Amino acid sequence: MVSTRFVPCQPDHELAAGFQRVRDELNIPSSFATEVLAEAVAVDQRGPVPPPGVPVDEPRDMRDIEFIAIDPPGSRDIDQAFSASRTKHGYLVHYAIADLAAFVTPGGAIDTEAHRRGMTMYSPDFRASLHPDILNHGVASLLPGVDRVALVWSIRLDADGTIYKSHVERALIKNREAISYHEAQARLAQPDPPEILRLLREVGRVRMERERLRGAVSLRLPSQEITHTDDGYALHYEESIPIEGWNAQISLLTGIAAADIMIEGGTGILRTLPKPWNKTVKDLRRIARGLHIVWDDDVSYPERVRELDPTIPNEAAMLSASARGLQGAGYTAFTNGELPEISQHSAIASTYAHVTAPLRRLVDRYGNELVLAYCADREPPTWVTEALDEIPSSMSKARTREGKLDRGLLNFMEAATLANHVGTRFEAVVTGQRKNRAIVQILHPAVIGTIESTDLPLGERIHVTVDAVNTEQSRVELSAD
């Protein structure tokens, strides 16, 4: 269900003003304070240093390893770089992670602001970064062609993708190249693709099979995206391409390995998600029957949703409904080996930690220092352990703010897209119910809205008419024929 581009009639400057209005309503920062920028300049001039409580050791030289980074086009805040090789027993994955702790002084101006922000917030025309760009786009980023001190994971896998050994250390690396997902996918389609991309595909596939066997949940939901090209801003549905899934498996693999190390060490911070309630699964089975989707009694929730196809209307509606089973994600810290009651991430079907995006998430810097300490057989730094109780709250606030920003931007863009189409009739699919309203997904343009209805079946293809649009209030009124 991928729409073609549908460009609003408003000029870019009016759309940018609307995006800014959404950010202002949510108090999304537009700049850094003078003291934060001054500290960033000083850190840039100083270069990386071991954080407090970490021995001053010469990082291991791993510049002979061929690392590449795969990111959205134009990215300069490069958190990760990948490499892999085949071994006698399976695979050796190397994953380099940006070393933010070497640049951020605990309790300093950059650190204090990062705790306030929690994470990078993205808009179509602006990025409210977690750290100043002199770090994110410069000395802390794993930019290609330059030497960088990074946190390098070495994860050994059996041929079937099972982890049997993992380790992380500070090391000197040189990222060879940064390419986009589509470019990487195109290279894999060549008659003789690069070995590093073949290995990413192989490892990604075997890890996907491990994921299936664990009973993990995989929802292939098309997402609404606002993008900008030479034609201006446009709203469309975007589905991932295969290499995005394989690349994501490397990050998941690293997060699972990190959680294992934290649990063995006795102190850590996990990304958690409770299991779906039995009632939720029963409700989903009822919805499946209403959508004429076969769901045998002996097939589990993860198994069934994994096979749903987002290009088929009734299955797209089922995917949307199935997202109800993935609610309540959070962060949970633990000490003294006392794991919380909910310690797993049910969608991943494993314990899991965030450690692979320290340029964009606060929690990752702390998780990385924990696993580094355990792998070096030393106690974690005090500045890390003392902050663990506060980080889940900081991340929860940031996630809530991010969700409001995403929805606010999409609501405005939907209104801007339909502003000149009052009275126009569009084809849509019913994807959910909310009290006395039905949730509908217009196929083209990529608008999701609600209409007054209590009896429209899920998955039903209908026609809706745009009755009114208010771009100042980001509101669209639809009605069914």
Protein backbone atom coordinates (compact mmCIF):
# COMPACT_ATOMS: atom_id res chain seq x y z
CA MET A 1 0.00 0.00 0.00
CA VAL A 2 2.61 2.56 -1.12
CA SER A 3 1.13 5.79 -2.46
CA THR A 4 2.66 7.91 -5.17
CA ARG A 5 3.76 11.38 -4.17
CA PHE A 6 0.99 13.91 -3.50
CA VAL A 7 2.46 17.38 -3.08
CA PRO A 8 0.53 20.06 -1.13
CA CYS A 9 -0.31 23.30 -2.90
CA GLN A 10 1.16 25.49 -0.13
CA PRO A 11 4.65 26.90 -0.76
CA ASP A 12 7.51 25.48 1.27
CA HIS A 13 7.81 28.54 3.52
CA GLU A 14 4.18 28.16 4.65
CA LEU A 15 4.70 24.48 5.38
CA ALA A 16 7.90 25.27 7.29
CA ALA A 17 5.96 27.81 9.36
CA GLY A 18 3.40 25.12 10.18
CA PHE A 19 6.13 22.68 11.22
CA GLN A 20 7.62 25.36 13.47
CA ARG A 21 4.23 26.05 15.05
CA VAL A 22 3.96 22.36 16.00
CA ARG A 23 7.45 22.42 17.51
CA ASP A 24 6.71 25.62 19.44
CA GLU A 25 3.56 24.09 20.95
CA LEU A 26 5.66 21.20 22.27
CA ASN A 27 8.63 23.33 23.35
CA ILE A 28 11.01 21.49 21.03
CA PRO A 29 14.35 23.35 21.34
CA SER A 30 15.62 25.16 18.26
CA SER A 31 19.16 25.89 19.46
CA PHE A 32 21.68 25.27 22.22
CA ALA A 33 22.57 27.63 25.03
CA THR A 34 25.85 29.55 24.75
CA GLU A 35 27.53 27.50 27.50
CA VAL A 36 26.63 24.23 25.75
CA LEU A 37 28.08 25.41 22.45
CA ALA A 38 31.19 26.76 24.16
CA GLU A 39 31.81 23.42 25.86
CA ALA A 40 31.29 21.62 22.55
CA VAL A 41 33.92 23.81 20.86
CA ALA A 42 36.36 23.13 23.68
CA VAL A 43 35.71 19.39 23.47
CA ASP A 44 36.20 19.45 19.70
CA GLN A 45 39.57 21.14 20.14
CA ARG A 46 40.56 18.80 22.96
CA GLY A 47 39.57 15.55 21.27
CA PRO A 48 38.47 12.28 22.92
CA VAL A 49 39.56 11.42 26.46
CA PRO A 50 38.64 8.46 28.69
CA PRO A 51 35.57 9.33 30.79
CA PRO A 52 35.87 9.54 34.60
CA GLY A 53 36.46 6.19 36.26
CA VAL A 54 37.86 4.59 33.10
CA PRO A 55 41.58 3.66 32.92
CA VAL A 56 43.72 5.60 30.46
CA ASP A 57 44.61 2.77 28.07
CA GLU A 58 45.73 2.97 24.48
CA PRO A 59 42.75 1.89 22.35
CA ARG A 60 43.32 -1.22 20.28
CA ASP A 61 44.12 -0.46 16.64
CA MET A 62 41.37 -2.00 14.46
CA ARG A 63 41.79 0.20 11.40
CA ASP A 64 42.51 -2.86 9.26
CA ILE A 65 38.85 -3.95 9.56
CA GLU A 66 36.61 -2.90 6.66
CA PHE A 67 33.73 -1.01 8.28
CA ILE A 68 30.85 0.56 6.35
CA ALA A 69 27.87 2.59 7.54
CA ILE A 70 24.38 2.33 6.07
CA ASP A 71 22.09 5.25 6.89
CA PRO A 72 19.43 7.47 5.33
CA PRO A 73 20.76 9.68 2.49
CA GLY A 74 22.87 12.61 3.65
CA SER A 75 23.27 11.42 7.25
CA ARG A 76 26.25 12.83 9.09
CA ASP A 77 25.32 11.75 12.63
CA ILE A 78 26.69 8.24 12.10
CA ASP A 79 26.28 6.10 15.21
CA GLN A 80 27.23 2.68 13.80
CA ALA A 81 29.49 1.01 11.28
CA PHE A 82 29.30 -2.67 10.33
CA SER A 83 31.78 -5.35 9.36
CA ALA A 84 31.70 -9.15 9.36
CA SER A 85 33.65 -12.20 8.30
CA ARG A 86 33.05 -15.92 8.07
CA THR A 87 34.62 -18.21 10.65
CA LYS A 88 35.02 -21.95 11.07
CA HIS A 89 31.85 -22.08 13.16
CA GLY A 90 29.78 -19.32 11.54
CA TYR A 91 30.32 -15.57 11.62
CA LEU A 92 32.26 -12.85 13.41
CA VAL A 93 30.34 -9.56 13.45
CA HIS A 94 32.14 -6.32 14.25
CA TYR A 95 29.91 -3.37 15.08
CA ALA A 96 31.49 0.01 15.81
CA ILE A 97 29.49 2.48 17.93
CA ALA A 98 30.20 6.20 18.37
CA ASP A 99 32.02 6.85 21.67
CA LEU A 100 30.06 9.75 23.15
CA ALA A 101 31.38 9.29 26.68
CA ALA A 102 34.82 10.33 25.39
CA PHE A 103 33.38 13.77 24.59
CA VAL A 104 30.63 14.40 27.16
CA THR A 105 31.75 15.31 30.67
CA PRO A 106 29.35 13.99 33.35
CA GLY A 107 27.60 16.94 34.97
CA GLY A 108 28.85 19.38 32.32
CA ALA A 109 26.75 21.66 30.15
CA ILE A 110 26.43 19.18 27.25
CA ASP A 111 25.50 16.35 29.62
CA THR A 112 22.91 18.43 31.49
CA GLU A 113 21.25 19.50 28.24
CA ALA A 114 21.29 15.91 26.92
CA HIS A 115 19.43 14.76 30.04
CA ARG A 116 16.86 17.49 29.46
CA ARG A 117 16.34 16.54 25.80
CA GLY A 118 16.60 12.75 26.11
CA MET A 119 16.84 12.11 22.38
CA THR A 120 17.11 13.73 18.97
CA MET A 121 13.76 14.94 17.60
CA TYR A 122 13.25 14.89 13.82
CA SER A 123 11.08 17.16 11.68
CA PRO A 124 10.97 17.35 7.87
CA ASP A 125 12.88 20.65 7.89
CA PHE A 126 14.76 20.58 11.19
CA ARG A 127 16.51 18.27 13.61
CA ALA A 128 16.57 19.09 17.33
CA SER A 129 19.74 17.16 18.14
CA LEU A 130 20.64 15.56 21.44
CA HIS A 131 24.12 17.11 21.20
CA PRO A 132 25.56 20.08 19.26
CA ASP A 133 26.38 19.33 15.63
CA ILE A 134 30.06 19.95 16.20
CA LEU A 135 29.94 16.59 18.00
CA ASN A 136 27.08 14.83 16.17
CA HIS A 137 28.30 15.72 12.68
CA GLY A 138 31.95 16.07 13.51
CA VAL A 139 34.44 14.67 15.96
CA ALA A 140 32.09 12.09 17.58
CA SER A 141 30.50 10.81 14.36
CA LEU A 142 31.89 7.75 12.57
CA LEU A 143 32.38 9.69 9.37
CA PRO A 144 34.07 7.79 6.54
CA GLY A 145 37.75 8.16 5.79
CA VAL A 146 38.88 9.47 9.19
CA ASP A 147 40.34 7.76 12.26
CA ARG A 148 37.91 7.50 15.16
CA VAL A 149 38.01 6.03 18.64
CA ALA A 150 34.86 3.92 18.82
CA LEU A 151 33.26 1.20 20.91
CA VAL A 152 33.77 -1.95 18.88
CA TRP A 153 31.61 -5.01 19.45
CA SER A 154 32.97 -8.40 18.44
CA ILE A 155 30.12 -10.90 18.37
CA ARG A 156 30.67 -14.51 17.37
CA LEU A 157 27.73 -16.45 15.93
CA ASP A 158 27.16 -20.08 15.06
CA ALA A 159 26.15 -20.79 11.47
CA ASP A 160 22.49 -20.64 12.56
CA GLY A 161 22.95 -17.14 14.06
CA THR A 162 23.16 -18.12 17.74
CA ILE A 163 25.42 -15.88 19.84
CA TYR A 164 28.15 -17.84 21.58
CA LYS A 165 30.59 -15.06 22.52
CA SER A 166 30.47 -11.26 22.66
CA HIS A 167 32.85 -8.54 23.75
CA VAL A 168 33.13 -4.75 23.46
CA GLU A 169 36.17 -2.51 23.80
CA ARG A 170 37.42 0.94 22.87
CA ALA A 171 39.35 0.79 19.61
CA LEU A 172 40.70 2.95 16.82
CA ILE A 173 38.81 2.40 13.55
CA LYS A 174 38.41 3.92 10.09
CA ASN A 175 34.96 3.71 8.53
CA ARG A 176 35.52 3.05 4.82
CA GLU A 177 32.22 4.32 3.44
CA ALA A 178 28.76 5.66 4.26
CA ILE A 179 25.97 4.65 1.85
CA SER A 180 22.19 4.86 1.77
CA TYR A 181 19.86 1.88 2.15
CA HIS A 182 18.74 2.09 -1.45
CA GLU A 183 22.32 2.26 -2.70
CA ALA A 184 23.26 -0.76 -0.60
CA GLN A 185 20.23 -2.68 -1.92
CA ALA A 186 21.18 -1.78 -5.49
CA ARG A 187 24.73 -3.02 -4.98
CA LEU A 188 23.41 -6.32 -3.69
CA ALA A 189 21.41 -6.71 -6.89
CA GLN A 190 24.59 -6.57 -8.99
CA PRO A 191 26.01 -9.83 -10.45
CA ASP A 192 28.97 -9.77 -8.03
CA PRO A 193 27.95 -7.74 -4.96
CA PRO A 194 30.52 -6.63 -2.35
CA GLU A 195 31.38 -9.32 0.19
CA ILE A 196 30.55 -7.09 3.16
CA LEU A 197 26.98 -6.60 1.88
CA ARG A 198 26.61 -10.32 1.15
CA LEU A 199 27.61 -10.98 4.75
CA LEU A 200 25.12 -8.41 6.03
CA ARG A 201 22.39 -10.20 4.07
CA GLU A 202 23.46 -13.64 5.34
CA VAL A 203 23.74 -12.61 8.97
CA GLY A 204 20.51 -10.60 8.75
CA ARG A 205 18.63 -13.59 7.39
CA VAL A 206 19.90 -16.10 9.96
CA ARG A 207 19.14 -13.65 12.75
CA MET A 208 15.62 -13.19 11.35
CA GLU A 209 15.18 -16.94 11.56
CA ARG A 210 16.43 -16.90 15.18
CA GLU A 211 13.89 -14.13 15.78
CA ARG A 212 11.10 -16.26 14.35
CA LEU A 213 12.11 -19.24 16.47
CA ARG A 214 12.16 -17.08 19.61
CA GLY A 215 8.57 -16.06 18.92
CA ALA A 216 9.33 -12.40 18.29
CA VAL A 217 6.69 -10.11 16.84
CA SER A 218 7.37 -8.49 13.46
CA LEU A 219 4.82 -5.95 12.21
CA ARG A 220 5.40 -4.79 8.62
CA LEU A 221 3.35 -1.65 8.97
CA PRO A 222 3.65 0.97 6.23
CA SER A 223 4.44 4.28 7.89
CA GLN A 224 3.45 7.82 7.00
CA GLU A 225 6.46 9.86 5.94
CA ILE A 226 6.98 13.55 5.19
CA THR A 227 9.86 14.01 2.77
CA HIS A 228 11.38 16.88 0.85
CA THR A 229 12.67 16.80 -2.72
CA ASP A 230 13.09 19.34 -5.50
CA ASP A 231 9.29 19.26 -5.89
CA GLY A 232 8.75 20.33 -2.28
CA TYR A 233 7.34 18.51 0.74
CA ALA A 234 5.16 15.45 0.22
CA LEU A 235 3.24 13.00 2.38
CA HIS A 236 3.42 9.32 1.45
CA TYR A 237 3.46 5.77 2.81
CA GLU A 238 6.84 4.14 3.08
CA GLU A 239 7.59 0.44 3.39
CA SER A 240 11.05 -0.79 4.31
CA ILE A 241 13.31 -2.52 1.83
CA PRO A 242 15.03 -5.82 2.75
CA ILE A 243 18.42 -4.36 3.64
CA GLU A 244 16.82 -2.14 6.28
CA GLY A 245 15.59 -5.27 8.04
CA TRP A 246 18.98 -6.99 7.79
CA ASN A 247 20.76 -3.91 9.09
CA ALA A 248 18.27 -3.62 11.96
CA GLN A 249 19.08 -7.20 12.92
CA ILE A 250 22.70 -6.19 13.62
CA SER A 251 21.51 -3.50 16.02
CA LEU A 252 19.09 -5.96 17.66
CA LEU A 253 21.86 -8.55 17.91
CA THR A 254 24.10 -6.03 19.69
CA GLY A 255 21.32 -4.94 22.05
CA ILE A 256 20.60 -8.56 23.00
CA ALA A 257 24.32 -9.21 23.62
CA ALA A 258 24.55 -6.03 25.74
CA ALA A 259 21.57 -7.08 27.87
CA ASP A 260 23.16 -10.49 28.50
CA ILE A 261 26.38 -8.83 29.67
CA MET A 262 24.51 -6.39 31.95
CA ILE A 263 22.48 -9.19 33.52
CA GLU A 264 25.60 -11.23 34.18
CA GLY A 265 27.28 -8.14 35.63
CA GLY A 266 24.35 -7.45 37.96
CA THR A 267 23.62 -3.81 37.07
CA GLY A 268 22.07 -2.44 33.91
CA ILE A 269 19.26 -0.67 32.11
CA LEU A 270 16.97 -2.64 29.80
CA ARG A 271 14.46 -1.74 27.11
CA THR A 272 11.31 -3.60 28.12
CA LEU A 273 7.86 -4.38 26.75
CA PRO A 274 5.26 -6.43 28.62
CA LYS A 275 3.57 -9.37 26.95
CA PRO A 276 0.16 -8.68 25.39
CA TRP A 277 -2.73 -9.33 27.72
CA ASN A 278 -4.71 -12.49 27.01
CA LYS A 279 -7.76 -10.31 26.44
CA THR A 280 -5.86 -8.31 23.79
CA VAL A 281 -4.98 -11.46 21.87
CA LYS A 282 -8.58 -12.70 22.15
CA ASP A 283 -9.81 -9.35 20.79
CA LEU A 284 -7.33 -9.61 17.90
CA ARG A 285 -8.59 -13.11 17.05
CA ARG A 286 -12.13 -11.72 16.97
CA ILE A 287 -11.00 -8.90 14.67
CA ALA A 288 -9.28 -11.45 12.40
CA ARG A 289 -12.54 -13.37 12.06
CA GLY A 290 -14.33 -10.13 11.15
CA LEU A 291 -11.68 -9.45 8.50
CA HIS A 292 -12.01 -13.00 7.11
CA ILE A 293 -8.38 -13.73 8.05
CA VAL A 294 -7.68 -17.34 8.96
CA TRP A 295 -5.97 -17.67 12.37
CA ASP A 296 -5.75 -21.28 13.52
CA ASP A 297 -5.99 -21.96 17.25
CA ASP A 298 -2.50 -23.46 17.41
CA VAL A 299 -0.86 -20.43 15.75
CA SER A 300 0.50 -17.81 18.14
CA TYR A 301 0.08 -14.03 17.92
CA PRO A 302 3.73 -13.48 16.76
CA GLU A 303 3.48 -16.24 14.15
CA ARG A 304 0.27 -14.91 12.64
CA VAL A 305 1.13 -11.22 12.44
CA ARG A 306 4.52 -12.02 10.90
CA GLU A 307 2.73 -13.39 7.82
CA LEU A 308 0.39 -10.44 7.28
CA ASP A 309 0.85 -8.50 4.04
CA PRO A 310 0.49 -4.68 4.29
CA THR A 311 -0.39 -4.41 0.57
CA ILE A 312 -3.67 -6.36 1.09
CA PRO A 313 -6.37 -4.09 2.57
CA ASN A 314 -7.88 -6.45 5.15
CA GLU A 315 -4.41 -7.62 6.24
CA ALA A 316 -3.21 -4.00 6.49
CA ALA A 317 -6.18 -3.37 8.79
CA MET A 318 -5.20 -6.43 10.82
CA LEU A 319 -1.62 -5.16 11.10
CA SER A 320 -2.88 -1.83 12.38
CA ALA A 321 -5.05 -3.57 14.97
CA SER A 322 -2.19 -5.91 15.95
CA ALA A 323 -0.08 -2.97 17.06
CA ARG A 324 -2.28 -2.93 20.19
CA GLY A 325 -0.25 -5.87 21.43
CA LEU A 326 2.90 -3.74 21.46
CA GLN A 327 2.03 -1.16 24.08
CA GLY A 328 3.80 -0.22 27.28
CA ALA A 329 7.44 -0.10 26.16
CA GLY A 330 9.82 1.53 28.62
CA TYR A 331 13.23 1.43 30.25
CA THR A 332 13.97 -0.43 33.48
CA ALA A 333 17.14 -0.10 35.54
CA PHE A 334 18.31 -2.80 37.95
CA THR A 335 21.15 -3.25 40.45
CA ASN A 336 22.64 -6.03 42.60
CA GLY A 337 21.45 -8.70 40.19
CA GLU A 338 17.78 -8.02 41.06
CA LEU A 339 15.99 -8.15 37.72
CA PRO A 340 12.63 -6.38 37.50
CA GLU A 341 9.41 -8.36 37.11
CA ILE A 342 9.23 -7.29 33.48
CA SER A 343 12.76 -7.67 32.14
CA GLN A 344 12.13 -8.85 28.57
CA HIS A 345 11.07 -7.01 25.46
CA SER A 346 8.13 -9.13 24.34
CA ALA A 347 8.27 -8.03 20.69
CA ILE A 348 11.92 -9.09 20.49
CA ALA A 349 11.26 -12.13 22.73
CA SER A 350 14.49 -11.54 24.61
CA THR A 351 16.14 -9.29 27.12
CA TYR A 352 17.40 -6.26 25.24
CA ALA A 353 19.24 -2.97 25.82
CA HIS A 354 19.70 0.20 23.80
CA VAL A 355 23.41 0.75 23.11
CA THR A 356 23.75 1.37 19.36
CA ALA A 357 22.58 5.01 18.93
CA PRO A 358 24.44 7.19 21.48
CA LEU A 359 24.46 10.22 19.16
CA ARG A 360 20.66 10.20 19.19
CA ARG A 361 19.62 8.62 22.53
CA LEU A 362 20.75 9.50 26.05
CA VAL A 363 20.39 6.00 27.50
CA ASP A 364 22.86 4.41 25.08
CA ARG A 365 25.87 6.28 26.50
CA TYR A 366 25.19 4.80 29.92
CA GLY A 367 24.50 1.29 28.68
CA ASN A 368 27.74 1.32 26.73
CA GLU A 369 29.82 2.26 29.77
CA LEU A 370 28.27 -0.57 31.77
CA VAL A 371 29.11 -3.27 29.21
CA LEU A 372 32.58 -1.81 28.63
CA ALA A 373 33.29 -2.08 32.35
CA TYR A 374 32.05 -5.66 32.60
CA CYS A 375 34.02 -6.75 29.53
CA ALA A 376 37.16 -5.18 31.07
CA ASP A 377 36.45 -6.89 34.42
CA ARG A 378 36.15 -3.64 36.36
CA GLU A 379 33.42 -1.83 38.28
CA PRO A 380 31.20 0.54 36.27
CA PRO A 381 31.94 4.25 36.79
CA THR A 382 30.07 5.90 39.64
CA TRP A 383 28.63 8.60 37.33
CA VAL A 384 26.90 5.81 35.41
CA THR A 385 25.42 3.84 38.31
CA GLU A 386 24.25 6.98 40.12
CA ALA A 387 22.27 8.12 37.07
CA LEU A 388 20.46 4.85 36.38
CA ASP A 389 17.41 5.60 38.51
CA GLU A 390 16.76 8.87 36.68
CA ILE A 391 17.31 7.79 33.06
CA PRO A 392 14.06 5.79 32.57
CA SER A 393 12.04 8.88 33.47
CA SER A 394 14.10 11.12 31.16
CA MET A 395 13.67 8.67 28.28
CA SER A 396 9.95 8.21 28.94
CA LYS A 397 9.37 11.98 28.78
CA ALA A 398 11.41 12.21 25.59
CA ARG A 399 9.51 9.33 23.96
CA THR A 400 6.18 10.92 24.85
CA ARG A 401 7.31 14.24 23.40
CA GLU A 402 8.58 12.50 20.26
CA GLY A 403 5.22 10.78 19.74
CA LYS A 404 3.36 14.08 20.09
CA LEU A 405 5.75 15.75 17.66
CA ASP A 406 5.36 13.00 15.05
CA ARG A 407 1.58 13.07 15.31
CA GLY A 408 1.43 16.87 15.30
CA LEU A 409 3.59 17.13 12.19
CA LEU A 410 1.56 14.48 10.38
CA ASN A 411 -1.75 16.09 11.37
CA PHE A 412 -0.58 19.42 9.98
CA MET A 413 0.79 17.86 6.80
CA GLU A 414 -2.45 15.94 6.25
CA ALA A 415 -4.41 19.16 6.55
CA ALA A 416 -2.01 20.98 4.21
CA THR A 417 -2.21 18.14 1.69
CA LEU A 418 -6.03 18.20 1.62
CA ALA A 419 -6.50 21.98 1.98
CA ASN A 420 -7.43 22.44 -1.70
CA HIS A 421 -9.46 19.23 -1.88
CA VAL A 422 -12.58 20.04 0.13
CA GLY A 423 -15.41 18.15 -1.55
CA THR A 424 -13.05 15.62 -3.14
CA ARG A 425 -13.82 11.91 -2.83
CA PHE A 426 -11.01 9.43 -2.01
CA GLU A 427 -10.74 5.65 -1.68
CA ALA A 428 -9.89 4.46 1.85
CA VAL A 429 -9.65 1.37 4.06
CA VAL A 430 -11.14 1.03 7.55
CA THR A 431 -8.23 0.12 9.87
CA GLY A 432 -9.66 0.52 13.36
CA GLN A 433 -12.39 1.68 15.73
CA ARG A 434 -12.25 4.34 18.41
CA LYS A 435 -15.43 4.77 20.44
CA ASN A 436 -18.04 5.96 17.93
CA ARG A 437 -15.53 6.70 15.17
CA ALA A 438 -13.84 4.55 12.57
CA ILE A 439 -10.14 5.01 11.75
CA VAL A 440 -9.62 5.16 7.99
CA GLN A 441 -6.49 5.10 5.87
CA ILE A 442 -6.82 6.98 2.58
CA LEU A 443 -4.84 5.11 -0.04
CA HIS A 444 -3.70 8.20 -1.93
CA PRO A 445 -2.74 10.69 -0.57
CA ALA A 446 -1.23 9.12 2.57
CA VAL A 447 -3.76 10.45 5.08
CA ILE A 448 -5.05 8.66 8.18
CA GLY A 449 -8.18 10.10 9.73
CA THR A 450 -11.44 9.26 11.45
CA ILE A 451 -15.08 9.36 10.44
CA GLU A 452 -18.25 9.10 12.46
CA SER A 453 -19.32 5.45 12.36
CA THR A 454 -20.09 2.54 14.65
CA ASP A 455 -20.73 -0.21 12.12
CA LEU A 456 -18.10 -0.06 9.36
CA PRO A 457 -16.28 -3.41 9.19
CA LEU A 458 -12.51 -3.44 9.62
CA GLY A 459 -10.72 -3.91 6.32
CA GLU A 460 -13.66 -2.55 4.33
CA ARG A 461 -12.77 -0.47 1.26
CA ILE A 462 -14.91 2.66 1.31
CA HIS A 463 -14.98 6.15 -0.17
CA VAL A 464 -14.61 9.23 2.01
CA THR A 465 -15.19 12.88 1.21
CA VAL A 466 -13.21 15.81 2.59
CA ASP A 467 -15.82 18.01 4.27
CA ALA A 468 -13.59 20.68 5.85
CA VAL A 469 -9.93 21.49 6.46
CA ASN A 470 -8.32 23.86 8.97
CA THR A 471 -4.53 24.04 8.58
CA GLU A 472 -4.12 26.41 11.56
CA GLN A 473 -5.67 23.76 13.83
CA SER A 474 -4.28 20.81 11.81
CA ARG A 475 -7.80 19.42 11.47
CA VAL A 476 -9.43 17.45 8.65
CA GLU A 477 -13.11 16.48 8.66
CA LEU A 478 -14.04 13.41 6.63
CA SER A 479 -17.31 11.62 6.01
CA ALA A 480 -18.14 8.29 4.42
CA ASP A 481 -20.31 8.11 1.31
